Amino acid sequence: MSAEELEKAVREAVNKLIDPETGFTFGEMGIIKEIKVQGRSVEIVYKPTSPFCPMALRLGLDIRRAAEAVEGVESVRVVCVDHVMADAITRVLNRRRG
């Protein structure tokens, strides 16, 4: 699978996710800002619906799970932007899991 095909598959998967507060998809809400693919590694940048969004961590976890489920993806990094806790959320989302 090419990088372009992998990016398309990941974008499709994460844009289908449903925001638990509004019922809209992430694609409809424009939450996903950028997807970068290098080999089989994917980085996804997302922006929660507000700078104080209480669901920001959950959104990131949903994004991670959806991207990891895409065939061909070996590693995922999820980056939160434009949230008061963006740095802390990004650290938690990308912590090494044992």
N, C-alpha and C. Protein backbone atom coordinates (compact mmCIF):
# COMPACT_ATOMS: atom_id res chain seq x y z
N MET A 1 0.85 -1.18 0.00
CA MET A 1 0.00 0.00 0.00
C MET A 1 0.89 1.24 0.00
N SER A 2 0.60 2.17 -0.89
CA SER A 2 1.40 3.40 -0.98
C SER A 2 1.06 4.34 0.18
N ALA A 3 1.91 5.34 0.39
CA ALA A 3 1.67 6.33 1.44
C ALA A 3 0.35 7.05 1.19
N GLU A 4 0.07 7.34 -0.07
CA GLU A 4 -1.18 8.04 -0.42
C GLU A 4 -2.40 7.18 -0.09
N GLU A 5 -2.31 5.89 -0.40
CA GLU A 5 -3.42 4.98 -0.11
C GLU A 5 -3.62 4.81 1.41
N LEU A 6 -2.50 4.73 2.13
CA LEU A 6 -2.58 4.59 3.58
C LEU A 6 -3.19 5.86 4.19
N GLU A 7 -2.75 7.01 3.72
CA GLU A 7 -3.31 8.27 4.23
C GLU A 7 -4.82 8.34 3.97
N LYS A 8 -5.22 7.94 2.78
CA LYS A 8 -6.64 7.97 2.43
C LYS A 8 -7.45 7.04 3.34
N ALA A 9 -6.92 5.84 3.58
CA ALA A 9 -7.60 4.87 4.44
C ALA A 9 -7.71 5.38 5.88
N VAL A 10 -6.64 5.99 6.39
CA VAL A 10 -6.66 6.53 7.75
C VAL A 10 -7.63 7.71 7.82
N ARG A 11 -7.58 8.59 6.84
CA ARG A 11 -8.48 9.75 6.82
C ARG A 11 -9.94 9.30 6.81
N GLU A 12 -10.23 8.30 6.01
CA GLU A 12 -11.59 7.76 5.94
C GLU A 12 -12.03 7.21 7.30
N ALA A 13 -11.14 6.47 7.95
CA ALA A 13 -11.46 5.86 9.24
C ALA A 13 -11.70 6.91 10.33
N VAL A 14 -10.83 7.90 10.43
CA VAL A 14 -10.98 8.89 11.51
C VAL A 14 -12.10 9.89 11.22
N ASN A 15 -12.36 10.19 9.96
CA ASN A 15 -13.43 11.13 9.64
C ASN A 15 -14.81 10.54 9.87
N LYS A 16 -14.91 9.20 9.97
CA LYS A 16 -16.19 8.52 10.24
C LYS A 16 -16.54 8.53 11.73
N LEU A 17 -15.56 8.82 12.59
CA LEU A 17 -15.82 8.82 14.03
C LEU A 17 -16.93 9.82 14.35
N ILE A 18 -17.70 9.52 15.37
CA ILE A 18 -18.83 10.37 15.77
C ILE A 18 -18.47 11.14 17.04
N ASP A 19 -18.66 12.45 17.00
CA ASP A 19 -18.47 13.29 18.18
C ASP A 19 -19.59 12.94 19.18
N PRO A 20 -19.22 12.53 20.41
CA PRO A 20 -20.23 12.08 21.37
C PRO A 20 -21.18 13.19 21.83
N GLU A 21 -20.78 14.44 21.72
CA GLU A 21 -21.63 15.53 22.18
C GLU A 21 -22.61 16.01 21.11
N THR A 22 -22.20 15.99 19.84
CA THR A 22 -23.05 16.57 18.79
C THR A 22 -23.71 15.53 17.89
N GLY A 23 -23.09 14.34 17.80
CA GLY A 23 -23.60 13.32 16.90
C GLY A 23 -23.11 13.49 15.47
N PHE A 24 -22.32 14.53 15.21
CA PHE A 24 -21.73 14.74 13.88
C PHE A 24 -20.44 13.93 13.75
N THR A 25 -20.05 13.63 12.51
CA THR A 25 -18.78 12.93 12.31
C THR A 25 -17.64 13.92 12.46
N PHE A 26 -16.45 13.36 12.72
CA PHE A 26 -15.26 14.21 12.81
C PHE A 26 -15.03 14.93 11.48
N GLY A 27 -15.35 14.25 10.37
CA GLY A 27 -15.21 14.86 9.05
C GLY A 27 -16.13 16.06 8.89
N GLU A 28 -17.38 15.91 9.31
CA GLU A 28 -18.34 17.01 9.22
C GLU A 28 -17.91 18.20 10.07
N MET A 29 -17.27 17.92 11.20
CA MET A 29 -16.88 18.98 12.12
C MET A 29 -15.50 19.56 11.82
N GLY A 30 -14.74 18.92 10.94
CA GLY A 30 -13.41 19.43 10.61
C GLY A 30 -12.41 19.28 11.74
N ILE A 31 -12.57 18.26 12.55
CA ILE A 31 -11.68 18.05 13.71
C ILE A 31 -10.27 17.64 13.27
N ILE A 32 -10.16 16.83 12.22
CA ILE A 32 -8.86 16.36 11.74
C ILE A 32 -8.22 17.46 10.90
N LYS A 33 -7.07 17.93 11.32
CA LYS A 33 -6.40 19.03 10.63
C LYS A 33 -5.33 18.56 9.66
N GLU A 34 -4.66 17.46 10.00
CA GLU A 34 -3.55 17.00 9.15
C GLU A 34 -3.27 15.53 9.41
N ILE A 35 -2.93 14.82 8.35
CA ILE A 35 -2.49 13.44 8.46
C ILE A 35 -1.21 13.31 7.66
N LYS A 36 -0.15 12.86 8.33
CA LYS A 36 1.14 12.66 7.68
C LYS A 36 1.47 11.18 7.74
N VAL A 37 1.93 10.65 6.63
CA VAL A 37 2.33 9.25 6.57
C VAL A 37 3.79 9.17 6.17
N GLN A 38 4.54 8.40 6.93
CA GLN A 38 5.94 8.13 6.58
C GLN A 38 6.13 6.63 6.76
N GLY A 39 6.28 5.95 5.64
CA GLY A 39 6.34 4.49 5.69
C GLY A 39 5.01 3.96 6.17
N ARG A 40 5.05 3.26 7.31
CA ARG A 40 3.81 2.73 7.90
C ARG A 40 3.46 3.46 9.20
N SER A 41 4.13 4.59 9.41
CA SER A 41 3.87 5.42 10.59
C SER A 41 2.96 6.58 10.19
N VAL A 42 2.01 6.87 11.06
CA VAL A 42 1.02 7.91 10.79
C VAL A 42 1.02 8.92 11.93
N GLU A 43 0.97 10.21 11.58
CA GLU A 43 0.78 11.26 12.56
C GLU A 43 -0.50 11.99 12.21
N ILE A 44 -1.37 12.15 13.19
CA ILE A 44 -2.66 12.80 12.98
C ILE A 44 -2.75 14.00 13.92
N VAL A 45 -3.00 15.16 13.34
CA VAL A 45 -3.18 16.39 14.11
C VAL A 45 -4.68 16.68 14.16
N TYR A 46 -5.18 16.90 15.36
CA TYR A 46 -6.61 17.21 15.49
C TYR A 46 -6.81 18.42 16.40
N LYS A 47 -7.93 19.10 16.17
CA LYS A 47 -8.30 20.28 16.94
C LYS A 47 -9.67 20.04 17.56
N PRO A 48 -9.74 19.95 18.89
CA PRO A 48 -11.04 19.78 19.53
C PRO A 48 -11.98 20.94 19.19
N THR A 49 -13.24 20.76 19.48
CA THR A 49 -14.25 21.74 19.09
C THR A 49 -14.12 23.09 19.79
N SER A 50 -13.46 23.12 20.94
CA SER A 50 -13.22 24.39 21.62
C SER A 50 -11.93 24.28 22.43
N PRO A 51 -11.34 25.42 22.81
CA PRO A 51 -10.09 25.40 23.59
C PRO A 51 -10.25 24.75 24.96
N PHE A 52 -11.49 24.62 25.42
CA PHE A 52 -11.76 24.03 26.73
C PHE A 52 -12.56 22.74 26.63
N CYS A 53 -12.62 22.16 25.46
CA CYS A 53 -13.42 20.95 25.21
C CYS A 53 -13.11 19.88 26.26
N PRO A 54 -14.11 19.47 27.06
CA PRO A 54 -13.86 18.46 28.09
C PRO A 54 -13.65 17.06 27.52
N MET A 55 -13.96 16.88 26.24
CA MET A 55 -13.84 15.57 25.60
C MET A 55 -12.55 15.44 24.78
N ALA A 56 -11.65 16.39 24.87
CA ALA A 56 -10.47 16.43 24.00
C ALA A 56 -9.63 15.15 24.08
N LEU A 57 -9.41 14.63 25.28
CA LEU A 57 -8.62 13.40 25.42
C LEU A 57 -9.36 12.23 24.80
N ARG A 58 -10.65 12.13 25.07
CA ARG A 58 -11.45 11.04 24.50
C ARG A 58 -11.41 11.09 22.97
N LEU A 59 -11.52 12.27 22.39
CA LEU A 59 -11.46 12.41 20.93
C LEU A 59 -10.13 11.86 20.41
N GLY A 60 -9.04 12.22 21.08
CA GLY A 60 -7.72 11.75 20.68
C GLY A 60 -7.58 10.24 20.79
N LEU A 61 -8.14 9.66 21.86
CA LEU A 61 -8.09 8.21 22.03
C LEU A 61 -8.89 7.51 20.93
N ASP A 62 -10.04 8.09 20.59
CA ASP A 62 -10.85 7.52 19.51
C ASP A 62 -10.09 7.58 18.19
N ILE A 63 -9.41 8.69 17.94
CA ILE A 63 -8.62 8.84 16.72
C ILE A 63 -7.52 7.78 16.67
N ARG A 64 -6.81 7.63 17.79
CA ARG A 64 -5.72 6.63 17.86
C ARG A 64 -6.26 5.23 17.54
N ARG A 65 -7.34 4.83 18.19
CA ARG A 65 -7.90 3.49 17.98
C ARG A 65 -8.32 3.29 16.53
N ALA A 66 -8.96 4.27 15.96
CA ALA A 66 -9.43 4.15 14.56
C ALA A 66 -8.24 4.01 13.62
N ALA A 67 -7.20 4.81 13.83
CA ALA A 67 -6.02 4.76 12.95
C ALA A 67 -5.27 3.45 13.12
N GLU A 68 -5.14 2.98 14.35
CA GLU A 68 -4.43 1.72 14.60
C GLU A 68 -5.14 0.53 13.96
N ALA A 69 -6.45 0.64 13.77
CA ALA A 69 -7.23 -0.45 13.19
C ALA A 69 -7.12 -0.53 11.67
N VAL A 70 -6.51 0.49 11.05
CA VAL A 70 -6.37 0.50 9.59
C VAL A 70 -5.25 -0.46 9.20
N GLU A 71 -5.56 -1.35 8.27
CA GLU A 71 -4.57 -2.32 7.81
C GLU A 71 -3.37 -1.60 7.20
N GLY A 72 -2.17 -2.00 7.62
CA GLY A 72 -0.95 -1.41 7.10
C GLY A 72 -0.32 -0.39 8.02
N VAL A 73 -1.06 0.08 9.03
CA VAL A 73 -0.53 1.06 9.97
C VAL A 73 0.22 0.32 11.08
N GLU A 74 1.48 0.72 11.28
CA GLU A 74 2.30 0.10 12.33
C GLU A 74 2.42 0.97 13.57
N SER A 75 2.43 2.28 13.39
CA SER A 75 2.52 3.17 14.56
C SER A 75 1.71 4.43 14.29
N VAL A 76 1.18 4.98 15.39
CA VAL A 76 0.34 6.16 15.30
C VAL A 76 0.79 7.16 16.35
N ARG A 77 0.92 8.40 15.94
CA ARG A 77 1.16 9.53 16.86
C ARG A 77 -0.01 10.47 16.66
N VAL A 78 -0.64 10.88 17.76
CA VAL A 78 -1.79 11.77 17.71
C VAL A 78 -1.41 13.08 18.41
N VAL A 79 -1.64 14.20 17.75
CA VAL A 79 -1.26 15.51 18.27
C VAL A 79 -2.49 16.39 18.41
N CYS A 80 -2.72 16.90 19.62
CA CYS A 80 -3.82 17.81 19.90
C CYS A 80 -3.29 19.25 19.76
N VAL A 81 -4.07 20.11 19.09
CA VAL A 81 -3.69 21.52 18.95
C VAL A 81 -4.85 22.42 19.37
N ASP A 82 -4.52 23.66 19.71
CA ASP A 82 -5.51 24.69 20.02
C ASP A 82 -6.46 24.33 21.16
N HIS A 83 -5.92 23.71 22.20
CA HIS A 83 -6.66 23.38 23.42
C HIS A 83 -5.79 23.82 24.59
N VAL A 84 -6.39 24.28 25.68
CA VAL A 84 -5.60 24.76 26.82
C VAL A 84 -4.69 23.68 27.39
N MET A 85 -5.06 22.42 27.21
CA MET A 85 -4.26 21.30 27.72
C MET A 85 -3.60 20.51 26.59
N ALA A 86 -3.40 21.13 25.44
CA ALA A 86 -2.91 20.41 24.25
C ALA A 86 -1.63 19.63 24.50
N ASP A 87 -0.64 20.24 25.14
CA ASP A 87 0.64 19.55 25.36
C ASP A 87 0.46 18.33 26.25
N ALA A 88 -0.29 18.47 27.34
CA ALA A 88 -0.51 17.36 28.26
C ALA A 88 -1.31 16.25 27.58
N ILE A 89 -2.33 16.62 26.82
CA ILE A 89 -3.14 15.63 26.11
C ILE A 89 -2.29 14.87 25.11
N THR A 90 -1.46 15.58 24.36
CA THR A 90 -0.59 14.94 23.37
C THR A 90 0.37 13.97 24.06
N ARG A 91 0.92 14.36 25.21
CA ARG A 91 1.82 13.46 25.95
C ARG A 91 1.09 12.17 26.36
N VAL A 92 -0.11 12.31 26.89
CA VAL A 92 -0.87 11.13 27.33
C VAL A 92 -1.22 10.24 26.14
N LEU A 93 -1.62 10.84 25.05
CA LEU A 93 -2.01 10.06 23.86
C LEU A 93 -0.86 9.25 23.28
N ASN A 94 0.36 9.71 23.49
CA ASN A 94 1.51 9.07 22.86
C ASN A 94 2.45 8.38 23.84
N ARG A 95 1.97 8.22 25.08
CA ARG A 95 2.76 7.49 26.07
C ARG A 95 3.00 6.07 25.61
N ARG A 96 4.18 5.59 25.89
CA ARG A 96 4.47 4.19 25.54
C ARG A 96 3.60 3.28 26.39
N ARG A 97 3.02 2.31 25.73
CA ARG A 97 2.15 1.36 26.43
C ARG A 97 2.88 0.03 26.56
N GLY A 98 2.75 -0.56 27.73
CA GLY A 98 3.49 -1.77 28.01
C GLY A 98 2.86 -3.01 27.61
